Amino acid sequence: MDTTLTADNFLINKMDRTFSSDGAVATRRFKALPDHLYSDLKDEAAILSIATGKYYGLNAVGVVIWKAIQKPATLGEVEDAVMQEYDVDQETCRREILSFLTKMADEKLIELIDEKSV
């Protein structure tokens, strides 16, 4: 068994620790929490957390991801949405999406839903 810690494994493990200790991110869905105000600003967007009063700026790729997770979406579905808009290889795409989603989870802007409950 390969025990090499890759960036993907690190982020997946962090996501699992953030939300639950049983299972992989691949079998779960990401969803933007509704407790935030969102505003499109051309190719960018701003999110205001009602709970904390913090503003978050999203670039064009972040907007694609945010829109993809308005309904519960798997990591693969989010990847597909980004790859339809941008010419990027799957490994880079996955790594960047996981990084973005981890930051969003740390800020309590998204939730990870167990696929069984969807």
N, C-alpha and C. Protein backbone atom coordinates (compact mmCIF):
# COMPACT_ATOMS: atom_id res chain seq x y z
N MET A 1 0.85 -1.18 0.00
CA MET A 1 0.00 0.00 0.00
C MET A 1 0.89 1.24 0.00
N ASP A 2 0.59 2.18 -0.87
CA ASP A 2 1.34 3.43 -0.97
C ASP A 2 0.88 4.38 0.12
N THR A 3 1.79 4.79 0.99
CA THR A 3 1.43 5.70 2.07
C THR A 3 1.95 7.12 1.83
N THR A 4 2.31 7.41 0.59
CA THR A 4 2.78 8.74 0.25
C THR A 4 1.67 9.75 0.48
N LEU A 5 2.00 10.84 1.14
CA LEU A 5 1.02 11.88 1.40
C LEU A 5 1.07 12.88 0.26
N THR A 6 0.08 12.82 -0.61
CA THR A 6 0.00 13.77 -1.71
C THR A 6 -0.84 14.96 -1.28
N ALA A 7 -0.78 16.01 -2.06
CA ALA A 7 -1.59 17.19 -1.75
C ALA A 7 -3.07 16.83 -1.72
N ASP A 8 -3.51 16.01 -2.71
CA ASP A 8 -4.92 15.60 -2.74
C ASP A 8 -5.30 14.84 -1.48
N ASN A 9 -4.46 13.88 -1.10
CA ASN A 9 -4.76 13.09 0.10
C ASN A 9 -4.80 13.97 1.33
N PHE A 10 -3.86 14.92 1.43
CA PHE A 10 -3.83 15.82 2.57
C PHE A 10 -5.13 16.62 2.66
N LEU A 11 -5.54 17.20 1.53
CA LEU A 11 -6.76 18.01 1.53
C LEU A 11 -7.99 17.17 1.79
N ILE A 12 -8.06 15.98 1.20
CA ILE A 12 -9.20 15.08 1.44
C ILE A 12 -9.24 14.70 2.91
N ASN A 13 -8.08 14.36 3.49
CA ASN A 13 -8.05 14.02 4.91
C ASN A 13 -8.47 15.20 5.76
N LYS A 14 -8.04 16.41 5.40
CA LYS A 14 -8.44 17.60 6.15
C LYS A 14 -9.95 17.81 6.04
N MET A 15 -10.50 17.64 4.83
CA MET A 15 -11.94 17.78 4.66
C MET A 15 -12.67 16.75 5.52
N ASP A 16 -12.19 15.52 5.53
CA ASP A 16 -12.82 14.49 6.34
C ASP A 16 -12.78 14.85 7.83
N ARG A 17 -11.63 15.36 8.30
CA ARG A 17 -11.52 15.74 9.70
C ARG A 17 -12.42 16.93 10.01
N THR A 18 -12.59 17.81 9.04
CA THR A 18 -13.42 18.99 9.25
C THR A 18 -14.88 18.61 9.46
N PHE A 19 -15.35 17.64 8.71
CA PHE A 19 -16.78 17.32 8.72
C PHE A 19 -17.14 16.01 9.39
N SER A 20 -16.26 15.03 9.32
CA SER A 20 -16.58 13.72 9.86
C SER A 20 -15.33 12.87 9.82
N SER A 21 -15.32 11.82 10.57
CA SER A 21 -14.13 10.97 10.58
C SER A 21 -14.36 9.65 9.84
N ASP A 22 -15.48 9.49 9.16
CA ASP A 22 -15.78 8.20 8.54
C ASP A 22 -16.09 8.34 7.05
N GLY A 23 -15.14 8.09 6.20
CA GLY A 23 -15.45 8.10 4.78
C GLY A 23 -14.62 9.09 4.00
N ALA A 24 -14.74 9.01 2.69
CA ALA A 24 -13.93 9.85 1.80
C ALA A 24 -14.77 10.97 1.22
N VAL A 25 -14.10 12.04 0.87
CA VAL A 25 -14.76 13.19 0.26
C VAL A 25 -15.45 12.80 -1.04
N ALA A 26 -14.89 11.86 -1.77
CA ALA A 26 -15.44 11.46 -3.07
C ALA A 26 -16.87 10.95 -2.96
N THR A 27 -17.27 10.45 -1.80
CA THR A 27 -18.63 9.93 -1.63
C THR A 27 -19.56 10.94 -0.97
N ARG A 28 -19.13 12.17 -0.92
CA ARG A 28 -19.93 13.21 -0.30
C ARG A 28 -20.22 14.32 -1.29
N ARG A 29 -21.10 15.21 -0.90
CA ARG A 29 -21.47 16.35 -1.75
C ARG A 29 -21.17 17.65 -0.99
N PHE A 30 -20.75 18.63 -1.75
CA PHE A 30 -20.48 19.95 -1.21
C PHE A 30 -21.69 20.83 -1.47
N LYS A 31 -21.98 21.71 -0.52
CA LYS A 31 -23.10 22.64 -0.71
C LYS A 31 -22.78 23.96 -0.03
N ALA A 32 -23.02 25.04 -0.76
CA ALA A 32 -22.88 26.38 -0.19
C ALA A 32 -23.97 26.56 0.87
N LEU A 33 -23.59 27.09 2.00
CA LEU A 33 -24.58 27.37 3.03
C LEU A 33 -25.41 28.59 2.63
N PRO A 34 -26.69 28.59 2.91
CA PRO A 34 -27.56 29.68 2.46
C PRO A 34 -27.48 30.95 3.32
N ASP A 35 -26.72 30.92 4.40
CA ASP A 35 -26.67 32.04 5.34
C ASP A 35 -25.73 33.16 4.91
N HIS A 36 -25.52 33.31 3.61
CA HIS A 36 -24.58 34.30 3.12
C HIS A 36 -25.20 35.08 1.97
N LEU A 37 -24.80 36.33 1.85
CA LEU A 37 -25.23 37.14 0.71
C LEU A 37 -24.19 37.01 -0.39
N TYR A 38 -24.65 36.86 -1.62
CA TYR A 38 -23.78 36.67 -2.77
C TYR A 38 -24.12 37.72 -3.81
N SER A 39 -23.08 38.32 -4.41
CA SER A 39 -23.31 39.32 -5.44
C SER A 39 -22.33 39.11 -6.59
N ASP A 40 -22.89 38.98 -7.81
CA ASP A 40 -22.05 38.88 -9.01
C ASP A 40 -21.49 40.25 -9.34
N LEU A 41 -20.21 40.29 -9.68
CA LEU A 41 -19.53 41.53 -10.05
C LEU A 41 -18.78 41.28 -11.35
N LYS A 42 -19.50 41.16 -12.46
CA LYS A 42 -18.93 40.79 -13.77
C LYS A 42 -18.31 39.41 -13.68
N ASP A 43 -16.97 39.32 -13.83
CA ASP A 43 -16.28 38.02 -13.78
C ASP A 43 -15.86 37.62 -12.38
N GLU A 44 -16.28 38.38 -11.40
CA GLU A 44 -15.94 38.09 -10.02
C GLU A 44 -17.21 38.12 -9.19
N ALA A 45 -17.06 37.86 -7.91
CA ALA A 45 -18.22 37.90 -7.02
C ALA A 45 -17.76 38.22 -5.61
N ALA A 46 -18.71 38.62 -4.79
CA ALA A 46 -18.44 38.87 -3.38
C ALA A 46 -19.46 38.09 -2.56
N ILE A 47 -18.99 37.56 -1.45
CA ILE A 47 -19.85 36.85 -0.50
C ILE A 47 -19.71 37.56 0.83
N LEU A 48 -20.83 37.81 1.47
CA LEU A 48 -20.84 38.38 2.82
C LEU A 48 -21.41 37.34 3.76
N SER A 49 -20.62 36.97 4.74
CA SER A 49 -21.10 36.05 5.77
C SER A 49 -21.94 36.85 6.76
N ILE A 50 -23.19 36.50 6.85
CA ILE A 50 -24.09 37.17 7.78
C ILE A 50 -23.65 36.90 9.22
N ALA A 51 -23.17 35.69 9.47
CA ALA A 51 -22.78 35.30 10.83
C ALA A 51 -21.57 36.07 11.34
N THR A 52 -20.58 36.30 10.46
CA THR A 52 -19.33 36.92 10.92
C THR A 52 -19.14 38.35 10.44
N GLY A 53 -19.88 38.75 9.41
CA GLY A 53 -19.69 40.07 8.85
C GLY A 53 -18.50 40.16 7.91
N LYS A 54 -17.86 39.04 7.62
CA LYS A 54 -16.70 39.02 6.73
C LYS A 54 -17.13 39.00 5.28
N TYR A 55 -16.35 39.71 4.45
CA TYR A 55 -16.53 39.68 3.01
C TYR A 55 -15.49 38.76 2.40
N TYR A 56 -15.87 38.06 1.34
CA TYR A 56 -14.97 37.18 0.61
C TYR A 56 -15.06 37.52 -0.86
N GLY A 57 -13.94 37.67 -1.51
CA GLY A 57 -13.92 37.93 -2.95
C GLY A 57 -13.64 36.64 -3.70
N LEU A 58 -14.37 36.43 -4.78
CA LEU A 58 -14.16 35.25 -5.62
C LEU A 58 -13.71 35.70 -6.99
N ASN A 59 -12.68 35.03 -7.52
CA ASN A 59 -12.30 35.29 -8.91
C ASN A 59 -13.23 34.48 -9.81
N ALA A 60 -12.99 34.51 -11.11
CA ALA A 60 -13.88 33.85 -12.07
C ALA A 60 -13.99 32.35 -11.81
N VAL A 61 -12.90 31.70 -11.46
CA VAL A 61 -12.94 30.25 -11.19
C VAL A 61 -13.73 30.00 -9.91
N GLY A 62 -13.52 30.82 -8.90
CA GLY A 62 -14.27 30.70 -7.66
C GLY A 62 -15.76 30.84 -7.88
N VAL A 63 -16.14 31.72 -8.81
CA VAL A 63 -17.55 31.91 -9.14
C VAL A 63 -18.13 30.62 -9.73
N VAL A 64 -17.39 29.98 -10.63
CA VAL A 64 -17.86 28.73 -11.23
C VAL A 64 -18.06 27.68 -10.14
N ILE A 65 -17.11 27.57 -9.22
CA ILE A 65 -17.22 26.59 -8.14
C ILE A 65 -18.41 26.93 -7.24
N TRP A 66 -18.54 28.20 -6.85
CA TRP A 66 -19.63 28.61 -5.97
C TRP A 66 -20.99 28.31 -6.60
N LYS A 67 -21.12 28.60 -7.89
CA LYS A 67 -22.38 28.32 -8.57
C LYS A 67 -22.64 26.82 -8.66
N ALA A 68 -21.58 26.03 -8.81
CA ALA A 68 -21.73 24.57 -8.92
C ALA A 68 -22.21 23.95 -7.61
N ILE A 69 -21.94 24.61 -6.49
CA ILE A 69 -22.32 24.02 -5.20
C ILE A 69 -23.54 24.69 -4.57
N GLN A 70 -24.33 25.36 -5.37
CA GLN A 70 -25.59 25.91 -4.85
C GLN A 70 -26.57 24.80 -4.52
N LYS A 71 -26.47 23.70 -5.24
CA LYS A 71 -27.16 22.45 -4.91
C LYS A 71 -26.06 21.47 -4.54
N PRO A 72 -26.35 20.48 -3.72
CA PRO A 72 -25.31 19.53 -3.37
C PRO A 72 -24.64 18.94 -4.62
N ALA A 73 -23.31 19.01 -4.67
CA ALA A 73 -22.55 18.54 -5.83
C ALA A 73 -21.34 17.73 -5.37
N THR A 74 -21.06 16.67 -6.09
CA THR A 74 -19.88 15.87 -5.80
C THR A 74 -18.63 16.60 -6.28
N LEU A 75 -17.49 16.16 -5.83
CA LEU A 75 -16.24 16.73 -6.30
C LEU A 75 -16.13 16.58 -7.81
N GLY A 76 -16.54 15.44 -8.35
CA GLY A 76 -16.51 15.21 -9.79
C GLY A 76 -17.40 16.19 -10.55
N GLU A 77 -18.55 16.50 -10.00
CA GLU A 77 -19.46 17.45 -10.65
C GLU A 77 -18.88 18.86 -10.64
N VAL A 78 -18.22 19.22 -9.56
CA VAL A 78 -17.57 20.53 -9.49
C VAL A 78 -16.41 20.58 -10.49
N GLU A 79 -15.64 19.50 -10.54
CA GLU A 79 -14.54 19.42 -11.52
C GLU A 79 -15.07 19.59 -12.94
N ASP A 80 -16.14 18.89 -13.26
CA ASP A 80 -16.73 18.99 -14.61
C ASP A 80 -17.12 20.42 -14.93
N ALA A 81 -17.73 21.11 -13.97
CA ALA A 81 -18.14 22.50 -14.20
C ALA A 81 -16.94 23.39 -14.50
N VAL A 82 -15.87 23.21 -13.75
CA VAL A 82 -14.66 24.02 -13.96
C VAL A 82 -13.99 23.66 -15.28
N MET A 83 -13.90 22.37 -15.56
CA MET A 83 -13.20 21.93 -16.78
C MET A 83 -13.98 22.29 -18.05
N GLN A 84 -15.28 22.49 -17.95
CA GLN A 84 -16.06 22.95 -19.10
C GLN A 84 -15.75 24.41 -19.42
N GLU A 85 -15.37 25.17 -18.42
CA GLU A 85 -15.09 26.59 -18.60
C GLU A 85 -13.62 26.90 -18.87
N TYR A 86 -12.72 26.05 -18.36
CA TYR A 86 -11.29 26.35 -18.42
C TYR A 86 -10.50 25.17 -18.95
N ASP A 87 -9.44 25.48 -19.66
CA ASP A 87 -8.53 24.47 -20.19
C ASP A 87 -7.49 24.15 -19.12
N VAL A 88 -7.77 23.12 -18.33
CA VAL A 88 -6.91 22.74 -17.22
C VAL A 88 -6.91 21.22 -17.11
N ASP A 89 -5.76 20.66 -16.72
CA ASP A 89 -5.71 19.20 -16.57
C ASP A 89 -6.44 18.81 -15.28
N GLN A 90 -6.92 17.59 -15.25
CA GLN A 90 -7.77 17.14 -14.14
C GLN A 90 -7.05 17.17 -12.80
N GLU A 91 -5.77 16.81 -12.77
CA GLU A 91 -5.03 16.79 -11.50
C GLU A 91 -4.93 18.21 -10.91
N THR A 92 -4.58 19.17 -11.73
CA THR A 92 -4.49 20.56 -11.26
C THR A 92 -5.86 21.07 -10.84
N CYS A 93 -6.85 20.75 -11.65
CA CYS A 93 -8.22 21.18 -11.37
C CYS A 93 -8.66 20.65 -10.01
N ARG A 94 -8.48 19.37 -9.77
CA ARG A 94 -8.90 18.75 -8.51
C ARG A 94 -8.15 19.38 -7.33
N ARG A 95 -6.85 19.55 -7.48
CA ARG A 95 -6.05 20.11 -6.40
C ARG A 95 -6.52 21.53 -6.04
N GLU A 96 -6.77 22.34 -7.05
CA GLU A 96 -7.20 23.72 -6.80
C GLU A 96 -8.62 23.77 -6.22
N ILE A 97 -9.50 22.91 -6.71
CA ILE A 97 -10.86 22.87 -6.16
C ILE A 97 -10.83 22.43 -4.70
N LEU A 98 -10.07 21.40 -4.39
CA LEU A 98 -9.98 20.94 -3.01
C LEU A 98 -9.42 22.02 -2.10
N SER A 99 -8.43 22.74 -2.59
CA SER A 99 -7.86 23.83 -1.80
C SER A 99 -8.92 24.91 -1.54
N PHE A 100 -9.64 25.29 -2.59
CA PHE A 100 -10.70 26.29 -2.47
C PHE A 100 -11.79 25.82 -1.50
N LEU A 101 -12.26 24.59 -1.67
CA LEU A 101 -13.33 24.08 -0.82
C LEU A 101 -12.89 23.95 0.63
N THR A 102 -11.62 23.60 0.84
CA THR A 102 -11.09 23.52 2.20
C THR A 102 -11.12 24.88 2.86
N LYS A 103 -10.70 25.91 2.13
CA LYS A 103 -10.74 27.27 2.67
C LYS A 103 -12.18 27.70 2.96
N MET A 104 -13.08 27.37 2.04
CA MET A 104 -14.49 27.72 2.24
C MET A 104 -15.06 26.99 3.47
N ALA A 105 -14.68 25.75 3.65
CA ALA A 105 -15.14 24.98 4.81
C ALA A 105 -14.57 25.57 6.10
N ASP A 106 -13.29 25.95 6.07
CA ASP A 106 -12.67 26.55 7.25
C ASP A 106 -13.39 27.84 7.65
N GLU A 107 -13.92 28.55 6.67
CA GLU A 107 -14.63 29.81 6.94
C GLU A 107 -16.13 29.59 7.18
N LYS A 108 -16.55 28.33 7.19
CA LYS A 108 -17.96 27.97 7.45
C LYS A 108 -18.90 28.52 6.38
N LEU A 109 -18.42 28.51 5.12
CA LEU A 109 -19.24 28.98 4.01
C LEU A 109 -19.92 27.82 3.27
N ILE A 110 -19.40 26.61 3.47
CA ILE A 110 -19.98 25.44 2.82
C ILE A 110 -20.14 24.31 3.82
N GLU A 111 -20.91 23.32 3.42
CA GLU A 111 -21.04 22.10 4.22
C GLU A 111 -20.76 20.91 3.35
N LEU A 112 -20.39 19.83 3.96
CA LEU A 112 -20.16 18.57 3.26
C LEU A 112 -21.27 17.64 3.69
N ILE A 113 -22.02 17.15 2.72
CA ILE A 113 -23.20 16.33 2.99
C ILE A 113 -22.88 14.88 2.66
N ASP A 114 -23.22 13.99 3.57
CA ASP A 114 -23.07 12.56 3.32
C ASP A 114 -24.00 12.17 2.19
N GLU A 115 -23.49 11.48 1.20
CA GLU A 115 -24.29 11.13 0.02
C GLU A 115 -25.56 10.37 0.39
N LYS A 116 -25.53 9.61 1.46
CA LYS A 116 -26.70 8.83 1.87
C LYS A 116 -27.87 9.72 2.29
N SER A 117 -27.56 10.96 2.73
CA SER A 117 -28.63 11.84 3.22
C SER A 117 -29.16 12.76 2.13
N VAL A 118 -28.64 12.66 0.90
CA VAL A 118 -29.10 13.52 -0.20
C VAL A 118 -30.29 12.91 -0.87
